[in-house]
């Protein structure tokens, strides 16, 4: 095996590891958005509801929809920034992988949780 072959294999492995890291973080963003949507529950009616009852329940859901939209916008902005940052990486940086760095207080990973909780009326 020549030096070029091992360099190529190393490049492929590194690219694969970076791709795995990007896919993992995309999944985390998707889960965060899904958790926001779980808070919006469809009202249950006994029998066939009147139009008035449906509208009353929809009006009660407005704060939850607003919380979802704001949380979605916040998460989406972080996702876009994440992809811009990862566009310049050639190999996975270990300080981006390990959880203690993700839990650093300067990072705003917790903001969507507070946003969703802040718009809950129940």
N, C-alpha and C. Protein backbone atom coordinates (compact mmCIF):
# COMPACT_ATOMS: atom_id res chain seq x y z
N UNK A 1 0.85 -1.17 0.00
CA UNK A 1 0.00 0.00 0.00
C UNK A 1 0.90 1.23 0.00
N UNK A 2 0.61 2.15 -0.86
CA UNK A 2 1.44 3.35 -0.97
C UNK A 2 0.99 4.40 0.04
N UNK A 3 1.82 5.42 0.17
CA UNK A 3 1.50 6.52 1.08
C UNK A 3 0.23 7.25 0.64
N UNK A 4 0.01 7.33 -0.68
CA UNK A 4 -1.18 7.99 -1.19
C UNK A 4 -2.45 7.25 -0.77
N UNK A 5 -2.39 5.92 -0.78
CA UNK A 5 -3.55 5.12 -0.38
C UNK A 5 -3.91 5.36 1.08
N UNK A 6 -2.92 5.37 1.97
CA UNK A 6 -3.21 5.58 3.39
C UNK A 6 -3.69 7.00 3.64
N UNK A 7 -3.14 7.96 2.91
CA UNK A 7 -3.60 9.35 3.07
C UNK A 7 -5.05 9.47 2.61
N UNK A 8 -5.38 8.79 1.53
CA UNK A 8 -6.75 8.82 1.02
C UNK A 8 -7.70 8.16 2.01
N UNK A 9 -7.31 7.00 2.56
CA UNK A 9 -8.14 6.33 3.56
C UNK A 9 -8.36 7.22 4.78
N UNK A 10 -7.30 7.88 5.22
CA UNK A 10 -7.43 8.77 6.38
C UNK A 10 -8.38 9.92 6.06
N UNK A 11 -8.29 10.46 4.84
CA UNK A 11 -9.18 11.55 4.43
C UNK A 11 -10.63 11.08 4.41
N UNK A 12 -10.87 9.88 3.85
CA UNK A 12 -12.24 9.35 3.82
C UNK A 12 -12.79 9.13 5.22
N UNK A 13 -11.96 8.58 6.12
CA UNK A 13 -12.40 8.34 7.50
C UNK A 13 -12.72 9.66 8.19
N UNK A 14 -11.85 10.64 8.00
CA UNK A 14 -12.06 11.94 8.64
C UNK A 14 -13.34 12.59 8.12
N UNK A 15 -13.54 12.52 6.80
CA UNK A 15 -14.74 13.09 6.21
C UNK A 15 -15.99 12.38 6.73
N UNK A 16 -15.90 11.05 6.86
CA UNK A 16 -17.02 10.28 7.39
C UNK A 16 -17.31 10.67 8.84
N UNK A 17 -16.29 10.84 9.66
CA UNK A 17 -16.49 11.23 11.05
C UNK A 17 -17.13 12.61 11.14
N UNK A 18 -16.70 13.53 10.30
CA UNK A 18 -17.29 14.86 10.29
C UNK A 18 -18.76 14.79 9.87
N UNK A 19 -19.04 13.98 8.86
CA UNK A 19 -20.42 13.82 8.41
C UNK A 19 -21.29 13.22 9.51
N UNK A 20 -20.76 12.26 10.25
CA UNK A 20 -21.51 11.67 11.38
C UNK A 20 -21.81 12.71 12.44
N UNK A 21 -20.85 13.56 12.73
CA UNK A 21 -21.06 14.62 13.72
C UNK A 21 -22.14 15.59 13.26
N UNK A 22 -22.11 15.95 11.99
CA UNK A 22 -23.12 16.86 11.45
C UNK A 22 -24.50 16.21 11.49
N UNK A 23 -24.60 14.94 11.11
CA UNK A 23 -25.89 14.25 11.16
C UNK A 23 -26.42 14.13 12.58
N UNK A 24 -25.53 13.87 13.53
CA UNK A 24 -25.95 13.76 14.93
C UNK A 24 -26.51 15.10 15.42
N UNK A 25 -25.82 16.19 15.13
CA UNK A 25 -26.31 17.48 15.60
C UNK A 25 -27.59 17.88 14.88
N UNK A 26 -27.75 17.51 13.61
CA UNK A 26 -29.02 17.75 12.93
C UNK A 26 -30.15 17.01 13.63
N UNK A 27 -29.88 15.79 14.07
CA UNK A 27 -30.90 15.02 14.79
C UNK A 27 -31.26 15.69 16.11
N UNK A 28 -30.28 16.26 16.79
CA UNK A 28 -30.56 16.96 18.05
C UNK A 28 -31.46 18.16 17.80
N UNK A 29 -31.18 18.92 16.73
CA UNK A 29 -32.04 20.06 16.39
C UNK A 29 -33.46 19.58 16.06
N UNK A 30 -33.59 18.49 15.33
CA UNK A 30 -34.90 17.96 14.97
C UNK A 30 -35.68 17.52 16.21
N UNK A 31 -35.00 16.91 17.15
CA UNK A 31 -35.66 16.49 18.39
C UNK A 31 -36.12 17.71 19.18
N UNK A 32 -35.30 18.75 19.23
CA UNK A 32 -35.68 19.96 19.96
C UNK A 32 -36.94 20.58 19.35
N UNK A 33 -37.02 20.62 18.03
CA UNK A 33 -38.21 21.18 17.38
C UNK A 33 -39.42 20.29 17.64
N UNK A 34 -39.23 18.98 17.62
CA UNK A 34 -40.33 18.06 17.90
C UNK A 34 -40.85 18.25 19.32
N UNK A 35 -39.95 18.44 20.27
CA UNK A 35 -40.38 18.66 21.65
C UNK A 35 -41.20 19.93 21.79
N UNK A 36 -40.89 20.95 20.99
CA UNK A 36 -41.72 22.15 21.01
C UNK A 36 -43.13 21.85 20.50
N UNK A 37 -43.23 21.05 19.45
CA UNK A 37 -44.53 20.76 18.85
C UNK A 37 -45.39 19.88 19.74
N UNK A 38 -44.79 19.09 20.60
CA UNK A 38 -45.55 18.19 21.48
C UNK A 38 -46.45 18.98 22.43
N UNK A 39 -46.06 20.20 22.74
CA UNK A 39 -46.84 21.02 23.67
C UNK A 39 -48.18 21.46 23.08
N UNK A 40 -48.33 21.40 21.77
CA UNK A 40 -49.59 21.82 21.13
C UNK A 40 -50.47 20.58 21.01
N UNK A 41 -51.51 20.56 21.83
CA UNK A 41 -52.40 19.40 21.87
C UNK A 41 -53.75 19.75 21.24
N UNK A 42 -54.28 18.82 20.49
CA UNK A 42 -55.58 19.00 19.86
C UNK A 42 -56.65 18.83 20.94
N UNK A 43 -57.59 19.78 21.03
CA UNK A 43 -58.62 19.66 22.06
C UNK A 43 -59.55 18.48 21.78
N UNK A 44 -60.05 17.90 22.86
CA UNK A 44 -60.99 16.78 22.75
C UNK A 44 -62.39 17.29 23.04
N UNK A 45 -63.33 16.87 22.21
CA UNK A 45 -64.72 17.26 22.37
C UNK A 45 -65.56 16.01 22.54
N UNK A 46 -66.66 16.17 23.27
CA UNK A 46 -67.63 15.08 23.34
C UNK A 46 -68.67 15.35 22.27
N UNK A 47 -68.80 14.42 21.36
CA UNK A 47 -69.73 14.62 20.26
C UNK A 47 -69.14 15.58 19.24
N UNK A 48 -70.03 16.11 18.40
CA UNK A 48 -69.60 17.05 17.36
C UNK A 48 -69.64 18.46 17.93
N UNK A 49 -68.48 19.15 17.95
CA UNK A 49 -68.46 20.49 18.53
C UNK A 49 -69.04 21.53 17.56
N UNK A 50 -69.55 22.60 18.14
CA UNK A 50 -70.03 23.70 17.31
C UNK A 50 -68.83 24.50 16.81
N UNK A 51 -69.07 25.31 15.79
CA UNK A 51 -68.00 26.17 15.28
C UNK A 51 -67.48 27.10 16.37
N UNK A 52 -68.38 27.58 17.21
CA UNK A 52 -67.99 28.47 18.31
C UNK A 52 -67.03 27.78 19.27
N UNK A 53 -67.31 26.53 19.62
CA UNK A 53 -66.44 25.78 20.53
C UNK A 53 -65.05 25.56 19.91
N UNK A 54 -65.03 25.25 18.63
CA UNK A 54 -63.75 25.03 17.95
C UNK A 54 -62.93 26.32 17.97
N UNK A 55 -63.57 27.45 17.65
CA UNK A 55 -62.85 28.73 17.65
C UNK A 55 -62.35 29.10 19.04
N UNK A 56 -63.16 28.84 20.06
CA UNK A 56 -62.73 29.13 21.44
C UNK A 56 -61.48 28.32 21.80
N UNK A 57 -61.47 27.06 21.43
CA UNK A 57 -60.30 26.23 21.72
C UNK A 57 -59.08 26.67 20.91
N UNK A 58 -59.29 27.07 19.66
CA UNK A 58 -58.17 27.55 18.85
C UNK A 58 -57.59 28.84 19.43
N UNK A 59 -58.44 29.71 19.92
CA UNK A 59 -57.96 30.96 20.54
C UNK A 59 -57.14 30.64 21.78
N UNK A 60 -57.56 29.63 22.54
CA UNK A 60 -56.79 29.24 23.73
C UNK A 60 -55.42 28.67 23.38
N UNK A 61 -55.27 28.17 22.16
CA UNK A 61 -53.99 27.60 21.72
C UNK A 61 -53.03 28.65 21.17
N UNK A 62 -53.49 29.88 20.97
CA UNK A 62 -52.63 30.92 20.39
C UNK A 62 -51.31 31.09 21.16
N UNK A 63 -51.31 31.17 22.49
CA UNK A 63 -50.01 31.30 23.19
C UNK A 63 -49.07 30.13 22.92
N UNK A 64 -49.61 28.93 22.81
CA UNK A 64 -48.75 27.77 22.52
C UNK A 64 -48.21 27.84 21.09
N UNK A 65 -49.03 28.29 20.14
CA UNK A 65 -48.55 28.47 18.77
C UNK A 65 -47.45 29.53 18.72
N UNK A 66 -47.66 30.63 19.45
CA UNK A 66 -46.63 31.68 19.49
C UNK A 66 -45.33 31.15 20.10
N UNK A 67 -45.46 30.41 21.18
CA UNK A 67 -44.27 29.81 21.80
C UNK A 67 -43.56 28.87 20.84
N UNK A 68 -44.34 28.08 20.10
CA UNK A 68 -43.74 27.18 19.12
C UNK A 68 -43.02 27.96 18.03
N UNK A 69 -43.67 28.99 17.49
CA UNK A 69 -43.07 29.77 16.41
C UNK A 69 -41.78 30.47 16.86
N UNK A 70 -41.81 31.04 18.05
CA UNK A 70 -40.60 31.71 18.56
C UNK A 70 -39.50 30.67 18.82
N UNK A 71 -39.86 29.57 19.46
CA UNK A 71 -38.89 28.51 19.70
C UNK A 71 -38.33 27.95 18.41
N UNK A 72 -39.20 27.76 17.41
CA UNK A 72 -38.75 27.26 16.11
C UNK A 72 -37.78 28.24 15.47
N UNK A 73 -38.09 29.54 15.54
CA UNK A 73 -37.20 30.55 14.96
C UNK A 73 -35.84 30.55 15.66
N UNK A 74 -35.84 30.41 16.97
CA UNK A 74 -34.58 30.39 17.73
C UNK A 74 -33.76 29.15 17.34
N UNK A 75 -34.40 27.99 17.35
CA UNK A 75 -33.69 26.76 17.00
C UNK A 75 -33.20 26.81 15.56
N UNK A 76 -34.03 27.30 14.66
CA UNK A 76 -33.62 27.40 13.25
C UNK A 76 -32.43 28.33 13.08
N UNK A 77 -32.39 29.43 13.82
CA UNK A 77 -31.25 30.34 13.71
C UNK A 77 -29.97 29.68 14.20
N UNK A 78 -30.07 28.88 15.26
CA UNK A 78 -28.89 28.14 15.73
C UNK A 78 -28.48 27.07 14.72
N UNK A 79 -29.45 26.44 14.10
CA UNK A 79 -29.15 25.41 13.11
C UNK A 79 -28.42 26.01 11.91
N UNK A 80 -28.88 27.17 11.44
CA UNK A 80 -28.22 27.84 10.32
C UNK A 80 -26.79 28.23 10.71
N UNK A 81 -26.63 28.80 11.91
CA UNK A 81 -25.28 29.18 12.37
C UNK A 81 -24.39 27.95 12.49
N UNK A 82 -24.96 26.86 12.95
CA UNK A 82 -24.22 25.60 13.09
C UNK A 82 -23.70 25.14 11.73
N UNK A 83 -24.56 25.18 10.71
CA UNK A 83 -24.13 24.74 9.39
C UNK A 83 -23.11 25.69 8.78
N UNK A 84 -23.24 26.97 9.05
CA UNK A 84 -22.22 27.91 8.56
C UNK A 84 -20.86 27.61 9.20
N UNK A 85 -20.86 27.31 10.49
CA UNK A 85 -19.61 27.01 11.18
C UNK A 85 -19.00 25.71 10.66
N UNK A 86 -19.81 24.69 10.49
CA UNK A 86 -19.30 23.39 10.08
C UNK A 86 -18.87 23.36 8.62
N UNK A 87 -19.30 24.33 7.84
CA UNK A 87 -18.90 24.40 6.44
C UNK A 87 -17.38 24.55 6.31
N UNK A 88 -16.75 25.18 7.31
CA UNK A 88 -15.32 25.46 7.24
C UNK A 88 -14.46 24.38 7.89
N UNK A 89 -15.06 23.41 8.54
CA UNK A 89 -14.28 22.36 9.19
C UNK A 89 -13.85 21.31 8.18
N UNK A 90 -12.62 20.86 8.32
CA UNK A 90 -12.10 19.80 7.46
C UNK A 90 -12.09 18.45 8.20
N UNK A 91 -12.04 18.49 9.51
CA UNK A 91 -12.07 17.28 10.33
C UNK A 91 -12.78 17.61 11.63
N UNK A 92 -13.35 16.61 12.29
CA UNK A 92 -14.10 16.90 13.52
C UNK A 92 -13.18 17.41 14.62
N UNK A 93 -13.56 18.51 15.20
CA UNK A 93 -12.81 19.08 16.32
C UNK A 93 -13.34 18.44 17.60
N UNK A 94 -12.45 17.85 18.38
CA UNK A 94 -12.88 17.10 19.57
C UNK A 94 -13.59 17.98 20.58
N UNK A 95 -13.25 19.25 20.66
CA UNK A 95 -13.94 20.11 21.62
C UNK A 95 -15.38 20.40 21.20
N UNK A 96 -15.75 20.09 19.96
CA UNK A 96 -17.13 20.24 19.53
C UNK A 96 -17.96 18.99 19.80
N UNK A 97 -17.30 17.91 20.14
CA UNK A 97 -17.99 16.63 20.31
C UNK A 97 -18.38 16.37 21.75
N UNK A 98 -17.53 16.69 22.69
CA UNK A 98 -17.72 16.27 24.07
C UNK A 98 -18.78 17.11 24.79
N UNK A 99 -19.69 16.47 25.53
CA UNK A 99 -20.79 17.15 26.20
C UNK A 99 -20.42 18.27 27.17
N UNK A 100 -19.33 18.20 27.93
CA UNK A 100 -19.07 19.31 28.86
C UNK A 100 -19.01 20.66 28.17
N UNK A 101 -18.52 20.69 26.94
CA UNK A 101 -18.51 21.95 26.21
C UNK A 101 -19.92 22.36 25.79
N UNK A 102 -20.76 21.40 25.50
CA UNK A 102 -22.14 21.70 25.10
C UNK A 102 -22.95 22.25 26.27
N UNK A 103 -22.54 21.94 27.49
CA UNK A 103 -23.27 22.40 28.67
C UNK A 103 -22.71 23.70 29.24
N UNK A 104 -21.82 24.31 28.53
CA UNK A 104 -21.21 25.55 29.00
C UNK A 104 -22.30 26.62 29.16
N UNK A 105 -22.28 27.40 30.25
CA UNK A 105 -23.35 28.36 30.50
C UNK A 105 -23.44 29.48 29.47
N UNK A 106 -22.38 29.74 28.73
CA UNK A 106 -22.44 30.80 27.72
C UNK A 106 -23.21 30.37 26.47
N UNK A 107 -23.42 29.08 26.31
CA UNK A 107 -24.16 28.60 25.15
C UNK A 107 -25.65 28.64 25.46
N UNK A 108 -26.43 28.95 24.46
CA UNK A 108 -27.86 29.15 24.66
C UNK A 108 -28.71 27.94 24.30
N UNK A 109 -28.23 26.75 24.58
CA UNK A 109 -28.99 25.55 24.26
C UNK A 109 -30.29 25.48 25.04
N UNK A 110 -30.36 26.13 26.18
CA UNK A 110 -31.52 26.06 27.08
C UNK A 110 -32.60 27.06 26.70
N UNK A 111 -32.31 28.03 25.86
CA UNK A 111 -33.26 29.10 25.56
C UNK A 111 -34.59 28.61 24.96
N UNK A 112 -34.60 27.66 24.03
CA UNK A 112 -35.89 27.18 23.53
C UNK A 112 -36.76 26.54 24.61
N UNK A 113 -36.14 25.91 25.59
CA UNK A 113 -36.92 25.31 26.68
C UNK A 113 -37.62 26.39 27.48
N UNK A 114 -36.92 27.47 27.77
CA UNK A 114 -37.51 28.57 28.52
C UNK A 114 -38.59 29.25 27.69
N UNK A 115 -38.36 29.39 26.40
CA UNK A 115 -39.36 30.00 25.51
C UNK A 115 -40.64 29.20 25.52
N UNK A 116 -40.54 27.90 25.40
CA UNK A 116 -41.74 27.05 25.38
C UNK A 116 -42.46 27.10 26.71
N UNK A 117 -41.72 27.07 27.80
CA UNK A 117 -42.33 27.10 29.13
C UNK A 117 -42.97 28.45 29.42
N UNK A 118 -42.38 29.51 28.91
CA UNK A 118 -42.89 30.86 29.18
C UNK A 118 -44.23 31.14 28.54
N UNK A 119 -44.60 30.41 27.50
CA UNK A 119 -45.85 30.66 26.82
C UNK A 119 -46.94 29.68 27.22
N UNK A 120 -46.69 28.90 28.23
CA UNK A 120 -47.68 27.94 28.69
C UNK A 120 -48.65 28.62 29.64
N UNK A 121 -49.93 28.48 29.39
CA UNK A 121 -50.95 29.09 30.26
C UNK A 121 -51.48 28.10 31.28
N UNK A 122 -51.21 26.83 31.07
CA UNK A 122 -51.75 25.81 31.97
C UNK A 122 -50.88 25.64 33.19
